[in-house]
Amino acid sequence: MTKIILNVKGMVCHGCENRVENALKNIEGVKKVKANYQKGSVQITANEEISQTMLIQALENLGYEVEKEA
């Protein structure tokens, strides 16, 4: 298992958290998702084979902006 933390802009409420969590949980290989709109972050536990690009694309498809790690 691997833990991925993404910084997400645009989440403003608990509804946003639920929307993000539901979208990411549907991706094969994702085991656990916890979004926090106050911190602007999403913590994902997934199989090592998971593509971070796929996770970012799913969030962007919902209309959120993912800040790339420096």
N, C-alpha and C. Protein backbone atom coordinates (compact mmCIF):
# COMPACT_ATOMS: atom_id res chain seq x y z
N MET A 1 0.84 -1.19 0.00
CA MET A 1 0.00 0.00 0.00
C MET A 1 0.87 1.24 0.00
N THR A 2 0.33 2.27 -0.61
CA THR A 2 1.02 3.54 -0.63
C THR A 2 0.06 4.64 -0.22
N LYS A 3 0.59 5.68 0.39
CA LYS A 3 -0.23 6.81 0.83
C LYS A 3 0.13 8.02 -0.03
N ILE A 4 -0.88 8.64 -0.60
CA ILE A 4 -0.68 9.80 -1.47
C ILE A 4 -1.47 10.95 -0.88
N ILE A 5 -0.84 12.12 -0.79
CA ILE A 5 -1.53 13.32 -0.34
C ILE A 5 -1.50 14.33 -1.47
N LEU A 6 -2.67 14.80 -1.86
CA LEU A 6 -2.78 15.80 -2.92
C LEU A 6 -3.37 17.08 -2.35
N ASN A 7 -2.81 18.22 -2.77
CA ASN A 7 -3.36 19.52 -2.39
C ASN A 7 -4.37 19.92 -3.44
N VAL A 8 -5.60 20.15 -3.00
CA VAL A 8 -6.71 20.40 -3.92
C VAL A 8 -7.32 21.77 -3.64
N LYS A 9 -7.41 22.59 -4.67
CA LYS A 9 -8.06 23.90 -4.56
C LYS A 9 -9.49 23.80 -5.04
N GLY A 10 -10.39 24.49 -4.36
CA GLY A 10 -11.76 24.56 -4.81
C GLY A 10 -12.76 23.84 -3.92
N MET A 11 -12.30 23.06 -2.97
CA MET A 11 -13.23 22.42 -2.03
C MET A 11 -13.62 23.46 -0.99
N VAL A 12 -14.94 23.67 -0.81
CA VAL A 12 -15.39 24.72 0.10
C VAL A 12 -16.34 24.23 1.19
N CYS A 13 -16.71 22.93 1.16
CA CYS A 13 -17.68 22.44 2.13
C CYS A 13 -17.59 20.91 2.26
N HIS A 14 -18.39 20.38 3.17
CA HIS A 14 -18.42 18.92 3.36
C HIS A 14 -18.96 18.22 2.13
N GLY A 15 -19.85 18.87 1.41
CA GLY A 15 -20.37 18.30 0.16
C GLY A 15 -19.25 18.08 -0.84
N CYS A 16 -18.32 19.02 -0.90
CA CYS A 16 -17.16 18.88 -1.79
C CYS A 16 -16.32 17.68 -1.36
N GLU A 17 -16.12 17.54 -0.05
CA GLU A 17 -15.36 16.39 0.46
C GLU A 17 -16.01 15.08 0.01
N ASN A 18 -17.32 14.99 0.18
CA ASN A 18 -18.03 13.77 -0.20
C ASN A 18 -17.92 13.50 -1.69
N ARG A 19 -18.02 14.53 -2.50
CA ARG A 19 -17.93 14.39 -3.95
C ARG A 19 -16.56 13.86 -4.35
N VAL A 20 -15.52 14.42 -3.76
CA VAL A 20 -14.14 14.00 -4.05
C VAL A 20 -13.93 12.56 -3.59
N GLU A 21 -14.34 12.26 -2.37
CA GLU A 21 -14.15 10.91 -1.82
C GLU A 21 -14.87 9.87 -2.68
N ASN A 22 -16.11 10.14 -3.06
CA ASN A 22 -16.87 9.18 -3.86
C ASN A 22 -16.24 8.96 -5.23
N ALA A 23 -15.76 10.02 -5.85
CA ALA A 23 -15.15 9.89 -7.18
C ALA A 23 -13.86 9.07 -7.11
N LEU A 24 -13.03 9.32 -6.10
CA LEU A 24 -11.75 8.61 -6.01
C LEU A 24 -11.92 7.16 -5.55
N LYS A 25 -12.91 6.90 -4.70
CA LYS A 25 -13.15 5.53 -4.23
C LYS A 25 -13.54 4.60 -5.38
N ASN A 26 -14.08 5.16 -6.46
CA ASN A 26 -14.50 4.36 -7.60
C ASN A 26 -13.35 3.95 -8.50
N ILE A 27 -12.16 4.47 -8.26
CA ILE A 27 -11.00 4.13 -9.07
C ILE A 27 -10.41 2.83 -8.57
N GLU A 28 -10.16 1.91 -9.49
CA GLU A 28 -9.62 0.61 -9.13
C GLU A 28 -8.25 0.77 -8.46
N GLY A 29 -8.07 0.10 -7.34
CA GLY A 29 -6.80 0.17 -6.61
C GLY A 29 -6.84 1.11 -5.42
N VAL A 30 -7.84 2.00 -5.37
CA VAL A 30 -7.98 2.94 -4.25
C VAL A 30 -8.69 2.22 -3.11
N LYS A 31 -8.07 2.24 -1.93
CA LYS A 31 -8.62 1.54 -0.76
C LYS A 31 -9.34 2.49 0.19
N LYS A 32 -8.79 3.69 0.38
CA LYS A 32 -9.34 4.62 1.36
C LYS A 32 -9.07 6.05 0.90
N VAL A 33 -10.05 6.93 1.12
CA VAL A 33 -9.91 8.33 0.74
C VAL A 33 -10.44 9.19 1.87
N LYS A 34 -9.70 10.23 2.24
CA LYS A 34 -10.16 11.19 3.24
C LYS A 34 -9.86 12.59 2.74
N ALA A 35 -10.91 13.33 2.41
CA ALA A 35 -10.76 14.70 1.94
C ALA A 35 -10.99 15.66 3.11
N ASN A 36 -10.29 16.79 3.09
CA ASN A 36 -10.45 17.82 4.12
C ASN A 36 -10.48 19.17 3.42
N TYR A 37 -11.68 19.75 3.32
CA TYR A 37 -11.79 21.02 2.59
C TYR A 37 -11.10 22.16 3.32
N GLN A 38 -11.05 22.12 4.65
CA GLN A 38 -10.41 23.19 5.41
C GLN A 38 -8.91 23.24 5.16
N LYS A 39 -8.29 22.09 5.02
CA LYS A 39 -6.85 22.02 4.74
C LYS A 39 -6.57 22.03 3.24
N GLY A 40 -7.60 21.78 2.44
CA GLY A 40 -7.42 21.71 0.99
C GLY A 40 -6.59 20.52 0.58
N SER A 41 -6.84 19.39 1.24
CA SER A 41 -6.04 18.20 0.93
C SER A 41 -6.90 16.95 0.85
N VAL A 42 -6.36 15.98 0.12
CA VAL A 42 -6.99 14.67 0.01
C VAL A 42 -5.91 13.63 0.29
N GLN A 43 -6.19 12.74 1.22
CA GLN A 43 -5.26 11.66 1.57
C GLN A 43 -5.82 10.36 1.00
N ILE A 44 -5.02 9.68 0.19
CA ILE A 44 -5.46 8.48 -0.50
C ILE A 44 -4.56 7.31 -0.12
N THR A 45 -5.16 6.19 0.25
CA THR A 45 -4.43 4.95 0.47
C THR A 45 -4.79 4.03 -0.68
N ALA A 46 -3.77 3.54 -1.39
CA ALA A 46 -4.03 2.76 -2.59
C ALA A 46 -2.93 1.73 -2.81
N ASN A 47 -3.18 0.85 -3.78
CA ASN A 47 -2.16 -0.11 -4.20
C ASN A 47 -0.98 0.65 -4.80
N GLU A 48 0.20 0.05 -4.76
CA GLU A 48 1.38 0.71 -5.30
C GLU A 48 1.27 0.99 -6.81
N GLU A 49 0.46 0.19 -7.51
CA GLU A 49 0.37 0.33 -8.96
C GLU A 49 -0.48 1.52 -9.39
N ILE A 50 -1.14 2.18 -8.45
CA ILE A 50 -2.06 3.27 -8.79
C ILE A 50 -1.32 4.42 -9.47
N SER A 51 -1.95 4.99 -10.47
CA SER A 51 -1.37 6.12 -11.20
C SER A 51 -1.82 7.42 -10.55
N GLN A 52 -0.87 8.21 -10.10
CA GLN A 52 -1.21 9.50 -9.49
C GLN A 52 -1.85 10.40 -10.53
N THR A 53 -1.43 10.26 -11.78
CA THR A 53 -2.01 11.04 -12.87
C THR A 53 -3.50 10.75 -12.99
N MET A 54 -3.89 9.48 -12.82
CA MET A 54 -5.29 9.10 -12.90
C MET A 54 -6.10 9.76 -11.79
N LEU A 55 -5.53 9.83 -10.59
CA LEU A 55 -6.20 10.46 -9.46
C LEU A 55 -6.38 11.96 -9.72
N ILE A 56 -5.34 12.59 -10.20
CA ILE A 56 -5.39 14.03 -10.49
C ILE A 56 -6.42 14.31 -11.57
N GLN A 57 -6.44 13.48 -12.61
CA GLN A 57 -7.40 13.65 -13.70
C GLN A 57 -8.83 13.55 -13.19
N ALA A 58 -9.09 12.61 -12.30
CA ALA A 58 -10.43 12.44 -11.74
C ALA A 58 -10.86 13.70 -10.97
N LEU A 59 -9.94 14.28 -10.22
CA LEU A 59 -10.25 15.51 -9.47
C LEU A 59 -10.48 16.68 -10.41
N GLU A 60 -9.66 16.79 -11.44
CA GLU A 60 -9.80 17.89 -12.40
C GLU A 60 -11.11 17.75 -13.18
N ASN A 61 -11.54 16.52 -13.44
CA ASN A 61 -12.82 16.30 -14.12
C ASN A 61 -14.00 16.78 -13.28
N LEU A 62 -13.82 16.81 -11.96
CA LEU A 62 -14.86 17.33 -11.06
C LEU A 62 -14.81 18.86 -10.98
N GLY A 63 -13.78 19.46 -11.54
CA GLY A 63 -13.67 20.92 -11.53
C GLY A 63 -12.73 21.47 -10.48
N TYR A 64 -11.97 20.61 -9.81
CA TYR A 64 -11.02 21.05 -8.80
C TYR A 64 -9.63 21.18 -9.41
N GLU A 65 -8.82 22.02 -8.80
CA GLU A 65 -7.45 22.21 -9.26
C GLU A 65 -6.51 21.51 -8.27
N VAL A 66 -5.63 20.69 -8.82
CA VAL A 66 -4.66 19.99 -7.98
C VAL A 66 -3.32 20.69 -8.10
N GLU A 67 -2.78 21.11 -6.95
CA GLU A 67 -1.47 21.75 -6.94
C GLU A 67 -0.39 20.68 -7.06
N LYS A 68 0.49 20.87 -8.03
CA LYS A 68 1.57 19.92 -8.22
C LYS A 68 2.60 20.11 -7.14
N GLU A 69 3.16 19.00 -6.66
CA GLU A 69 4.22 19.06 -5.64
C GLU A 69 5.48 19.64 -6.27
N ALA A 70 6.17 20.48 -5.52
CA ALA A 70 7.39 21.11 -6.03
C ALA A 70 8.56 20.16 -5.96
